[in-house]
Structure formats: C-alpha cells, structure tokens
Protein backbone atom coordinates (compact mmCIF):
# COMPACT_ATOMS: atom_id res chain seq x y z
CA MET A 1 6.14 19.59 -7.78
CA THR A 2 3.91 17.41 -6.38
CA LEU A 3 -0.12 17.16 -6.87
CA LEU A 4 -0.02 17.38 -2.90
CA ASP A 5 2.04 20.26 -3.24
CA GLU A 6 -0.18 21.86 -5.80
CA LEU A 7 -3.23 21.05 -3.85
CA LEU A 8 -1.75 22.26 -0.81
CA SER A 9 -0.50 25.42 -2.57
CA ILE A 10 -3.93 26.58 -2.75
CA SER A 11 -5.54 28.78 0.21
CA SER A 12 -7.75 27.59 2.44
CA GLU A 13 -9.82 31.17 2.35
CA GLU A 14 -10.13 30.30 -1.76
CA VAL A 15 -11.76 26.90 -1.33
CA GLN A 16 -14.00 28.04 1.05
CA THR A 17 -15.43 30.10 -1.64
CA TRP A 18 -15.57 27.34 -3.79
CA PRO A 19 -19.24 25.33 -4.42
CA LEU A 20 -19.65 22.72 -1.56
CA ASP A 21 -19.32 19.79 -3.95
CA GLN A 22 -15.74 21.66 -5.28
CA GLN A 23 -14.66 21.69 -1.36
CA GLN A 24 -15.76 18.23 -0.85
CA TRP A 25 -13.67 17.03 -3.85
CA TYR A 26 -10.87 19.26 -2.77
CA THR A 27 -10.86 17.60 0.71
CA HIS A 28 -11.15 14.08 -0.92
CA GLN A 29 -7.95 14.89 -3.09
CA VAL A 30 -5.99 15.89 0.01
CA GLU A 31 -6.42 13.13 2.02
CA ARG A 32 -6.02 10.53 -1.09
CA ALA A 33 -2.59 12.27 -1.55
CA LEU A 34 -1.74 12.63 1.91
CA ALA A 35 -2.53 8.86 2.60
CA LEU A 36 -0.25 7.92 -0.44
CA ARG A 37 3.04 9.05 0.66
CA SER A 38 4.12 6.07 2.47
CA PRO A 39 2.52 2.97 3.88
CA ALA A 40 2.94 4.52 7.64
CA ASP A 41 0.76 7.63 6.27
CA PHE A 42 -1.93 5.18 4.28
CA ALA A 43 -2.37 2.97 6.96
CA GLN A 44 -2.69 5.58 9.35
CA GLN A 45 -5.47 6.77 7.11
CA HIS A 46 -7.38 3.62 6.42
CA SER A 47 -6.33 1.49 9.80
CA HIS A 48 -10.04 2.75 11.13
CA GLY A 49 -7.28 3.25 13.90
CA SER A 50 -5.72 0.34 14.38
CA TRP A 51 -2.41 1.07 13.31
CA ARG A 52 -0.45 3.51 15.09
CA PRO A 53 2.70 6.04 13.79
CA PHE A 54 5.19 4.34 16.13
CA ARG A 55 8.87 6.62 15.54
CA HIS A 56 10.35 2.84 14.56
CA LEU A 57 7.62 2.29 11.89
CA VAL A 58 7.31 5.33 10.46
CA ALA A 59 11.24 4.99 10.18
CA THR A 60 10.84 1.42 8.13
CA SER A 61 8.24 3.38 6.07
CA ASP A 62 10.62 5.97 5.42
CA ALA A 63 13.25 3.76 4.05
CA ILE A 64 10.30 1.71 1.68
CA VAL A 65 9.47 4.89 -0.07
CA GLY A 66 13.07 5.97 -0.46
CA MET A 67 13.74 2.31 -1.87
CA ILE A 68 10.74 2.44 -4.12
CA GLU A 69 10.32 6.07 -5.41
CA HIS A 70 13.73 7.37 -4.44
CA ASP A 71 16.07 4.43 -5.38
CA ASP A 72 18.09 4.56 -2.13
CA CYS A 73 19.18 0.92 -2.13
CA ASP A 74 18.23 -2.35 -4.40
CA LEU A 75 17.31 -4.92 -0.99
CA LEU A 76 16.09 -3.53 2.91
CA LEU A 77 16.39 -5.51 5.36
CA ILE A 78 13.80 -4.76 8.44
CA ASP A 79 15.29 -6.43 11.42
CA GLN A 80 13.28 -5.55 14.69
CA PRO A 81 11.63 -7.32 17.86
CA VAL A 82 9.18 -9.91 17.57
CA ARG A 83 5.57 -8.11 17.80
CA HIS A 84 6.92 -4.66 16.67
CA GLY A 85 4.69 -4.28 14.06
CA LYS A 86 6.70 -5.03 11.07
CA SER A 87 5.26 -7.76 9.43
CA GLU A 88 1.92 -5.57 9.44
CA LEU A 89 3.66 -2.39 7.62
CA SER A 90 6.00 -4.44 5.77
CA SER A 91 3.22 -7.71 4.66
CA LYS A 92 -0.22 -5.56 5.06
CA TRP A 93 0.38 -2.47 4.43
CA THR A 94 2.88 -1.98 2.12
CA PRO A 95 1.50 -4.18 -0.53
CA ALA A 96 -1.81 -2.49 -0.26
CA TRP A 97 -0.01 1.28 -0.70
CA PHE A 98 2.42 -0.01 -3.20
CA LEU A 99 -1.21 -1.01 -5.21
CA MET A 100 -3.08 2.15 -4.85
CA LYS A 101 0.12 4.13 -6.31
CA TYR A 102 1.26 1.30 -9.12
CA PRO A 103 -1.84 -0.88 -10.07
CA GLU A 104 -0.35 -1.96 -13.34
CA TRP A 105 2.51 -3.27 -11.03
CA PRO A 106 2.46 -6.78 -9.73
CA VAL A 107 3.41 -8.05 -5.66
CA LEU A 108 5.30 -10.83 -5.10
CA LEU A 109 5.26 -12.14 -1.23
CA SER A 110 6.66 -15.15 0.13
CA SER A 111 7.53 -16.52 3.47
CA TYR A 112 8.76 -19.51 5.33
CA GLU A 113 5.35 -21.20 5.15
CA ALA A 114 2.72 -20.84 2.35
CA HIS A 115 -0.47 -20.16 4.34
CA TYR A 116 1.33 -17.58 6.21
CA ALA A 117 2.31 -15.71 3.12
CA GLY A 118 -1.30 -16.13 1.91
CA THR A 119 -2.99 -14.85 4.83
CA TRP A 120 -1.24 -11.73 4.21
CA GLY A 121 -2.03 -11.75 0.44
CA GLY A 122 -6.38 -12.00 1.91
CA LYS A 123 -5.26 -9.21 4.19
CA VAL A 124 -4.06 -7.15 1.32
CA ARG A 125 -7.00 -8.16 -1.03
CA ASP A 126 -9.63 -6.81 1.26
CA ILE A 127 -7.72 -3.40 1.97
CA VAL A 128 -7.79 -3.37 -1.77
CA ARG A 129 -11.75 -4.07 -2.01
CA GLU A 130 -12.25 -1.96 0.80
CA VAL A 131 -10.49 1.75 -0.35
CA GLY A 132 -9.37 0.28 -4.04
CA PRO A 133 -12.22 2.48 -5.23
CA GLU A 134 -11.76 6.01 -3.83
CA TYR A 135 -8.19 5.80 -5.20
CA GLY A 136 -9.78 4.16 -9.16
CA VAL A 137 -8.10 0.72 -8.35
CA LYS A 138 -10.50 -2.24 -8.61
CA LEU A 139 -9.66 -5.97 -7.98
CA ARG A 140 -10.99 -8.40 -10.89
CA SER A 141 -14.08 -9.96 -10.33
CA ASP A 142 -12.49 -13.68 -10.12
CA ALA A 143 -9.81 -11.97 -7.39
CA LYS A 144 -11.16 -14.40 -4.96
CA ALA A 145 -8.08 -16.85 -3.65
CA ARG A 146 -5.95 -15.28 -1.02
CA ASN A 147 -2.70 -16.07 -2.33
CA ALA A 148 -3.46 -15.09 -6.00
CA TRP A 149 -5.23 -12.36 -7.10
CA ALA A 150 -5.00 -9.33 -9.86
CA LEU A 151 -6.51 -6.10 -10.39
CA GLU A 152 -8.45 -4.82 -13.47
CA SER A 153 -5.37 -2.69 -14.01
CA GLY A 154 -2.89 -5.14 -14.06
CA GLY A 155 -1.38 -5.53 -11.06
CA GLY A 156 -2.09 -7.91 -8.68
CA MET A 157 -0.25 -10.32 -5.71
CA ASN A 158 1.08 -13.44 -5.58
CA THR A 159 2.08 -15.41 -2.71
CA ALA A 160 4.03 -18.70 -1.61
CA GLY A 161 5.72 -20.20 1.31
CA ALA A 162 8.86 -22.57 1.34
CA GLY A 163 9.31 -24.60 -1.72
CA GLY A 164 5.89 -23.50 -3.61
CA SER A 165 6.68 -21.99 -7.05
CA ILE A 166 6.64 -19.00 -7.92
CA THR A 167 7.92 -19.31 -11.14
CA GLY A 168 7.02 -16.96 -13.83
CA ARG A 169 5.10 -14.95 -11.15
CA GLY A 170 7.76 -12.11 -10.40
CA GLY A 171 6.76 -9.28 -9.14
CA LEU A 172 8.02 -5.35 -9.06
CA LEU A 173 7.89 -4.97 -5.45
CA ASN A 174 9.08 -8.42 -3.99
CA LEU A 175 8.62 -8.95 -0.01
CA CYS A 176 9.75 -11.82 2.07
CA ILE A 177 8.67 -12.42 5.44
C-alpha cells in the first residue's frame, strides 16, 4: 500500500474531526503524494496553470513512470510532432519530478547544443528552488549554474551538448533531447 493509498483510506468525516493544523498537514500530504504520481501530475500541480494534461502528454508521462518505477523498458523514445509539449514534459517536468522523488540520484540531460541543454537545466533548477522545500529537497548553496548543480542530498543535474564532456557525470535518469 502506497502512502497515497494510506492517506486516502482515511475518511473525510474522520479528517474533519481533527484539529485544523492536522487537517492542513493531511491536505498537504495528499497534494504532495498526488503530485509525485507522475511527471504530468507534478507539472499540473506546480506549473501555475501553464502546463495542460493533453492526452498524448499524459500517455508519455505514464510511459516514463513505467520505465522508471516498474522497469517496463530500458529505453524510451518519444516521437511526437514539433511544438506538442514533449520537451517541456521530458526535459523540464520529468527531471524535476524525479529529483523530488529521488533526491539522492543524479540526472543527466544531453542535447545537440550545450546552451540549449543548459537552458533546460536552469528551468529544472528553478523548479527545485521553488517547490523543493515542500518535498524536503534543497539545492546546495553553490547551485548557481544552469548546466551543473547539486542538491544537499547528493542528487542534482548536469547538462551537456554534442561534443561536450559528460565523462564521470553519469545519471540514473539520462535524457537526450
């Protein structure tokens, strides 16, 4: 039974009998557990309304979860038309979601060009800075670069472009965009 299952097994009538601070704690825990179900859920909760759960993106998110959490496959190729949200989901929201769930594990993102890869690294870093404290995840104080930054828990993110060095910078989540 997952944490979410345990939380949702408590009836709303019972929760309403609790002191207000415990009700607020419970609500926060449920929201947090719901957001951590998938990159799509995480994006929907933390994008301030800018990310929308289109069917093809939810299916992609589910495939990502299957690969990471259920070992459904070793390699996932995402082939969708240009400007349909695949980069936003896979390069921004997936690494942020992953680092909230597994803050001790590193992420590596590579692309055709170093600046482009670093742009996504900066976007993920900014999400971690904004919502990480809700999940007990903190950036290291020296985490200022977009292309290489770390968490206090040991995880973090490195980015590289074609021809750039990633030697010794492996990740447990490796993205190539």
